[in-house]
PDB file of N, CA and C in Angstrom:
ATOM      1  N   SER A   1     -42.245 -20.181   6.179  1.00  0.00           N
ATOM      2  CA  SER A   1     -42.104 -21.562   5.768  1.00  0.00           C
ATOM      3  C   SER A   1     -41.101 -22.240   6.682  1.00  0.00           C
ATOM      4  N   ALA A   2     -41.305 -23.492   6.875  1.00  0.00           N
ATOM      5  CA  ALA A   2     -40.413 -24.233   7.759  1.00  0.00           C
ATOM      6  C   ALA A   2     -40.090 -25.585   7.166  1.00  0.00           C
ATOM      7  N   ASN A   3     -39.636 -25.548   5.923  1.00  0.00           N
ATOM      8  CA  ASN A   3     -39.247 -26.809   5.305  1.00  0.00           C
ATOM      9  C   ASN A   3     -37.914 -26.646   4.579  1.00  0.00           C
ATOM     10  N   ILE A   4     -37.248 -27.747   4.402  1.00  0.00           N
ATOM     11  CA  ILE A   4     -35.999 -27.772   3.661  1.00  0.00           C
ATOM     12  C   ILE A   4     -36.364 -27.843   2.183  1.00  0.00           C
ATOM     13  N   SER A   5     -35.656 -27.100   1.363  1.00  0.00           N
ATOM     14  CA  SER A   5     -35.955 -27.040  -0.066  1.00  0.00           C
ATOM     15  C   SER A   5     -36.144 -28.433  -0.646  1.00  0.00           C
ATOM     16  N   GLY A   6     -37.257 -28.589  -1.353  1.00  0.00           N
ATOM     17  CA  GLY A   6     -37.562 -29.873  -1.971  1.00  0.00           C
ATOM     18  C   GLY A   6     -38.375 -30.802  -1.093  1.00  0.00           C
ATOM     19  N   CYS A   7     -38.502 -30.470   0.184  1.00  0.00           N
ATOM     20  CA  CYS A   7     -39.300 -31.284   1.103  1.00  0.00           C
ATOM     21  C   CYS A   7     -40.675 -30.647   1.266  1.00  0.00           C
ATOM     22  N   PRO A   8     -41.682 -31.435   1.597  1.00  0.00           N
ATOM     23  CA  PRO A   8     -43.018 -30.871   1.775  1.00  0.00           C
ATOM     24  C   PRO A   8     -43.068 -29.908   2.958  1.00  0.00           C
ATOM     25  N   ALA A   9     -43.918 -28.885   2.844  1.00  0.00           N
ATOM     26  CA  ALA A   9     -44.088 -27.916   3.930  1.00  0.00           C
ATOM     27  C   ALA A   9     -44.886 -28.564   5.066  1.00  0.00           C
ATOM     28  N   PRO A  10     -44.439 -28.403   6.300  1.00  0.00           N
ATOM     29  CA  PRO A  10     -45.192 -28.956   7.424  1.00  0.00           C
ATOM     30  C   PRO A  10     -46.492 -28.185   7.635  1.00  0.00           C
ATOM     31  N   HIS A  11     -47.512 -28.861   8.116  1.00  0.00           N
ATOM     32  CA  HIS A  11     -48.793 -28.226   8.391  1.00  0.00           C
ATOM     33  C   HIS A  11     -48.963 -27.903   9.866  1.00  0.00           C
ATOM     34  N   ARG A  12     -48.160 -28.481  10.712  1.00  0.00           N
ATOM     35  CA  ARG A  12     -48.224 -28.269  12.158  1.00  0.00           C
ATOM     36  C   ARG A  12     -46.816 -28.075  12.712  1.00  0.00           C
ATOM     37  N   PHE A  13     -46.735 -27.366  13.836  1.00  0.00           N
ATOM     38  CA  PHE A  13     -45.449 -27.070  14.458  1.00  0.00           C
ATOM     39  C   PHE A  13     -44.628 -28.333  14.718  1.00  0.00           C
ATOM     40  N   ALA A  14     -45.276 -29.375  15.169  1.00  0.00           N
ATOM     41  CA  ALA A  14     -44.566 -30.617  15.496  1.00  0.00           C
ATOM     42  C   ALA A  14     -43.896 -31.256  14.282  1.00  0.00           C
ATOM     43  N   GLU A  15     -44.330 -30.878  13.078  1.00  0.00           N
ATOM     44  CA  GLU A  15     -43.755 -31.448  11.853  1.00  0.00           C
ATOM     45  C   GLU A  15     -42.509 -30.692  11.378  1.00  0.00           C
ATOM     46  N   ILE A  16     -42.180 -29.580  12.012  1.00  0.00           N
ATOM     47  CA  ILE A  16     -41.007 -28.791  11.607  1.00  0.00           C
ATOM     48  C   ILE A  16     -39.740 -29.505  12.074  1.00  0.00           C
ATOM     49  N   PRO A  17     -38.798 -29.755  11.169  1.00  0.00           N
ATOM     50  CA  PRO A  17     -37.565 -30.440  11.562  1.00  0.00           C
ATOM     51  C   PRO A  17     -36.781 -29.643  12.620  1.00  0.00           C
ATOM     52  N   GLU A  18     -36.211 -30.357  13.566  1.00  0.00           N
ATOM     53  CA  GLU A  18     -35.434 -29.722  14.633  1.00  0.00           C
ATOM     54  C   GLU A  18     -34.287 -28.890  14.062  1.00  0.00           C
ATOM     55  N   GLU A  19     -33.700 -29.321  12.957  1.00  0.00           N
ATOM     56  CA  GLU A  19     -32.576 -28.588  12.366  1.00  0.00           C
ATOM     57  C   GLU A  19     -33.008 -27.187  11.938  1.00  0.00           C
ATOM     58  N   ILE A  20     -34.243 -27.032  11.521  1.00  0.00           N
ATOM     59  CA  ILE A  20     -34.747 -25.708  11.145  1.00  0.00           C
ATOM     60  C   ILE A  20     -34.995 -24.879  12.403  1.00  0.00           C
ATOM     61  N   LYS A  21     -35.641 -25.462  13.401  1.00  0.00           N
ATOM     62  CA  LYS A  21     -35.928 -24.721  14.633  1.00  0.00           C
ATOM     63  C   LYS A  21     -34.640 -24.228  15.293  1.00  0.00           C
ATOM     64  N   ALA A  22     -33.590 -25.013  15.209  1.00  0.00           N
ATOM     65  CA  ALA A  22     -32.314 -24.631  15.827  1.00  0.00           C
ATOM     66  C   ALA A  22     -31.594 -23.528  15.057  1.00  0.00           C
ATOM     67  N   ALA A  23     -31.969 -23.308  13.797  1.00  0.00           N
ATOM     68  CA  ALA A  23     -31.236 -22.362  12.950  1.00  0.00           C
ATOM     69  C   ALA A  23     -31.906 -20.998  12.803  1.00  0.00           C
ATOM     70  N   VAL A  24     -33.070 -20.794  13.429  1.00  0.00           N
ATOM     71  CA  VAL A  24     -33.784 -19.533  13.256  1.00  0.00           C
ATOM     72  C   VAL A  24     -33.589 -18.609  14.454  1.00  0.00           C
ATOM     73  N   ASP A  25     -33.847 -17.331  14.238  1.00  0.00           N
ATOM     74  CA  ASP A  25     -33.710 -16.341  15.298  1.00  0.00           C
ATOM     75  C   ASP A  25     -34.940 -16.258  16.197  1.00  0.00           C
ATOM     76  N   TYR A  26     -36.107 -16.594  15.650  1.00  0.00           N
ATOM     77  CA  TYR A  26     -37.340 -16.442  16.418  1.00  0.00           C
ATOM     78  C   TYR A  26     -38.373 -17.470  15.963  1.00  0.00           C
ATOM     79  N   ILE A  27     -39.093 -18.030  16.908  1.00  0.00           N
ATOM     80  CA  ILE A  27     -40.185 -18.959  16.611  1.00  0.00           C
ATOM     81  C   ILE A  27     -41.449 -18.389  17.237  1.00  0.00           C
ATOM     82  N   VAL A  28     -42.485 -18.222  16.429  1.00  0.00           N
ATOM     83  CA  VAL A  28     -43.773 -17.745  16.921  1.00  0.00           C
ATOM     84  C   VAL A  28     -44.343 -18.803  17.857  1.00  0.00           C
ATOM     85  N   ASP A  29     -44.963 -18.358  18.921  1.00  0.00           N
ATOM     86  CA  ASP A  29     -45.537 -19.258  19.904  1.00  0.00           C
ATOM     87  C   ASP A  29     -46.457 -20.275  19.225  1.00  0.00           C
ATOM     88  N   PRO A  30     -46.139 -21.575  19.316  1.00  0.00           N
ATOM     89  CA  PRO A  30     -46.952 -22.584  18.637  1.00  0.00           C
ATOM     90  C   PRO A  30     -48.383 -22.666  19.176  1.00  0.00           C
ATOM     91  N   ARG A  31     -48.677 -22.034  20.317  1.00  0.00           N
ATOM     92  CA  ARG A  31     -50.057 -22.027  20.816  1.00  0.00           C
ATOM     93  C   ARG A  31     -50.981 -21.241  19.886  1.00  0.00           C
ATOM     94  N   LEU A  32     -50.403 -20.393  19.025  1.00  0.00           N
ATOM     95  CA  LEU A  32     -51.200 -19.636  18.070  1.00  0.00           C
ATOM     96  C   LEU A  32     -51.640 -20.514  16.895  1.00  0.00           C
ATOM     97  N   GLU A  33     -51.136 -21.726  16.853  1.00  0.00           N
ATOM     98  CA  GLU A  33     -51.404 -22.643  15.755  1.00  0.00           C
ATOM     99  C   GLU A  33     -52.894 -22.941  15.577  1.00  0.00           C
ATOM    100  N   SER A  34     -53.659 -22.856  16.622  1.00  0.00           N
ATOM    101  CA  SER A  34     -55.085 -23.166  16.512  1.00  0.00           C
ATOM    102  C   SER A  34     -55.802 -22.213  15.556  1.00  0.00           C
ATOM    103  N   GLN A  35     -55.199 -21.059  15.288  1.00  0.00           N
ATOM    104  CA  GLN A  35     -55.773 -20.087  14.372  1.00  0.00           C
ATOM    105  C   GLN A  35     -55.184 -20.208  12.966  1.00  0.00           C
ATOM    106  N   SER A  36     -54.336 -21.174  12.764  1.00  0.00           N
ATOM    107  CA  SER A  36     -53.643 -21.358  11.495  1.00  0.00           C
ATOM    108  C   SER A  36     -54.579 -21.790  10.371  1.00  0.00           C
ATOM    109  N   THR A  37     -54.268 -21.316   9.168  1.00  0.00           N
ATOM    110  CA  THR A  37     -55.029 -21.730   7.984  1.00  0.00           C
ATOM    111  C   THR A  37     -54.451 -23.013   7.386  1.00  0.00           C
ATOM    112  N   GLY A  38     -53.225 -23.367   7.784  1.00  0.00           N
ATOM    113  CA  GLY A  38     -52.560 -24.527   7.219  1.00  0.00           C
ATOM    114  C   GLY A  38     -51.840 -24.225   5.920  1.00  0.00           C
ATOM    115  N   LYS A  39     -51.945 -22.970   5.449  1.00  0.00           N
ATOM    116  CA  LYS A  39     -51.271 -22.561   4.218  1.00  0.00           C
ATOM    117  C   LYS A  39     -49.827 -22.158   4.528  1.00  0.00           C
ATOM    118  N   PRO A  40     -48.896 -22.386   3.595  1.00  0.00           N
ATOM    119  CA  PRO A  40     -47.515 -21.940   3.806  1.00  0.00           C
ATOM    120  C   PRO A  40     -47.463 -20.407   3.956  1.00  0.00           C
ATOM    121  N   SER A  41     -46.520 -19.951   4.718  1.00  0.00           N
ATOM    122  CA  SER A  41     -46.374 -18.518   4.955  1.00  0.00           C
ATOM    123  C   SER A  41     -45.707 -17.804   3.786  1.00  0.00           C
ATOM    124  N   GLN A  42     -45.919 -16.502   3.741  1.00  0.00           N
ATOM    125  CA  GLN A  42     -45.227 -15.675   2.764  1.00  0.00           C
ATOM    126  C   GLN A  42     -43.795 -15.479   3.267  1.00  0.00           C
ATOM    127  N   ILE A  43     -42.857 -15.470   2.352  1.00  0.00           N
ATOM    128  CA  ILE A  43     -41.465 -15.240   2.731  1.00  0.00           C
ATOM    129  C   ILE A  43     -41.018 -13.934   2.104  1.00  0.00           C
ATOM    130  N   ILE A  44     -40.508 -13.034   2.951  1.00  0.00           N
ATOM    131  CA  ILE A  44     -39.978 -11.769   2.455  1.00  0.00           C
ATOM    132  C   ILE A  44     -38.566 -11.565   2.993  1.00  0.00           C
ATOM    133  N   LYS A  45     -37.806 -10.786   2.276  1.00  0.00           N
ATOM    134  CA  LYS A  45     -36.442 -10.462   2.692  1.00  0.00           C
ATOM    135  C   LYS A  45     -36.368  -8.945   2.805  1.00  0.00           C
ATOM    136  N   ILE A  46     -35.911  -8.462   3.950  1.00  0.00           N
ATOM    137  CA  ILE A  46     -35.761  -7.032   4.163  1.00  0.00           C
ATOM    138  C   ILE A  46     -34.274  -6.722   4.184  1.00  0.00           C
ATOM    139  N   GLY A  47     -33.850  -5.890   3.250  1.00  0.00           N
ATOM    140  CA  GLY A  47     -32.440  -5.542   3.128  1.00  0.00           C
ATOM    141  C   GLY A  47     -32.009  -4.512   4.163  1.00  0.00           C
ATOM    142  N   MET A  48     -30.722  -4.318   4.262  1.00  0.00           N
ATOM    143  CA  MET A  48     -30.157  -3.373   5.228  1.00  0.00           C
ATOM    144  C   MET A  48     -30.656  -1.953   4.994  1.00  0.00           C
ATOM    145  N   GLY A  49     -30.996  -1.621   3.761  1.00  0.00           N
ATOM    146  CA  GLY A  49     -31.504  -0.296   3.434  1.00  0.00           C
ATOM    147  C   GLY A  49     -33.012  -0.199   3.504  1.00  0.00           C
ATOM    148  N   GLY A  50     -33.676  -1.238   3.985  1.00  0.00           N
ATOM    149  CA  GLY A  50     -35.114  -1.241   4.116  1.00  0.00           C
ATOM    150  C   GLY A  50     -35.861  -1.743   2.891  1.00  0.00           C
ATOM    151  N   GLU A  51     -35.131  -2.146   1.845  1.00  0.00           N
ATOM    152  CA  GLU A  51     -35.786  -2.658   0.637  1.00  0.00           C
ATOM    153  C   GLU A  51     -36.426  -4.020   0.948  1.00  0.00           C
ATOM    154  N   VAL A  52     -37.553  -4.262   0.323  1.00  0.00           N
ATOM    155  CA  VAL A  52     -38.323  -5.489   0.559  1.00  0.00           C
ATOM    156  C   VAL A  52     -38.338  -6.320  -0.708  1.00  0.00           C
ATOM    157  N   GLU A  53     -37.995  -7.591  -0.577  1.00  0.00           N
ATOM    158  CA  GLU A  53     -38.041  -8.530  -1.701  1.00  0.00           C
ATOM    159  C   GLU A  53     -38.986  -9.662  -1.319  1.00  0.00           C
ATOM    160  N   ILE A  54     -40.009  -9.904  -2.124  1.00  0.00           N
ATOM    161  CA  ILE A  54     -40.919 -11.009  -1.875  1.00  0.00           C
ATOM    162  C   ILE A  54     -40.319 -12.261  -2.509  1.00  0.00           C
ATOM    163  N   ILE A  55     -39.991 -13.226  -1.676  1.00  0.00           N
ATOM    164  CA  ILE A  55     -39.371 -14.457  -2.150  1.00  0.00           C
ATOM    165  C   ILE A  55     -40.434 -15.487  -2.502  1.00  0.00           C
ATOM    166  N   ARG A  56     -41.470 -15.585  -1.655  1.00  0.00           N
ATOM    167  CA  ARG A  56     -42.601 -16.461  -1.957  1.00  0.00           C
ATOM    168  C   ARG A  56     -43.874 -15.745  -1.544  1.00  0.00           C
ATOM    169  N   PRO A  57     -44.747 -15.439  -2.556  1.00  0.00           N
ATOM    170  CA  PRO A  57     -45.998 -14.720  -2.234  1.00  0.00           C
ATOM    171  C   PRO A  57     -46.963 -15.557  -1.416  1.00  0.00           C
TER     172      PRO A  57
END
């Protein structure tokens, strides 16, 4: 996901706020966007011990 809490999720790379792009460790090549479903991504958290928490299915 690339939206600020409470704001609508962007459907295209160009709609992602610059503040989010500047704060992440990695951005998937936007050229892959042509294969996008337009659905928000799943968000998972991987802990230091390898535990997985699904934040948004």
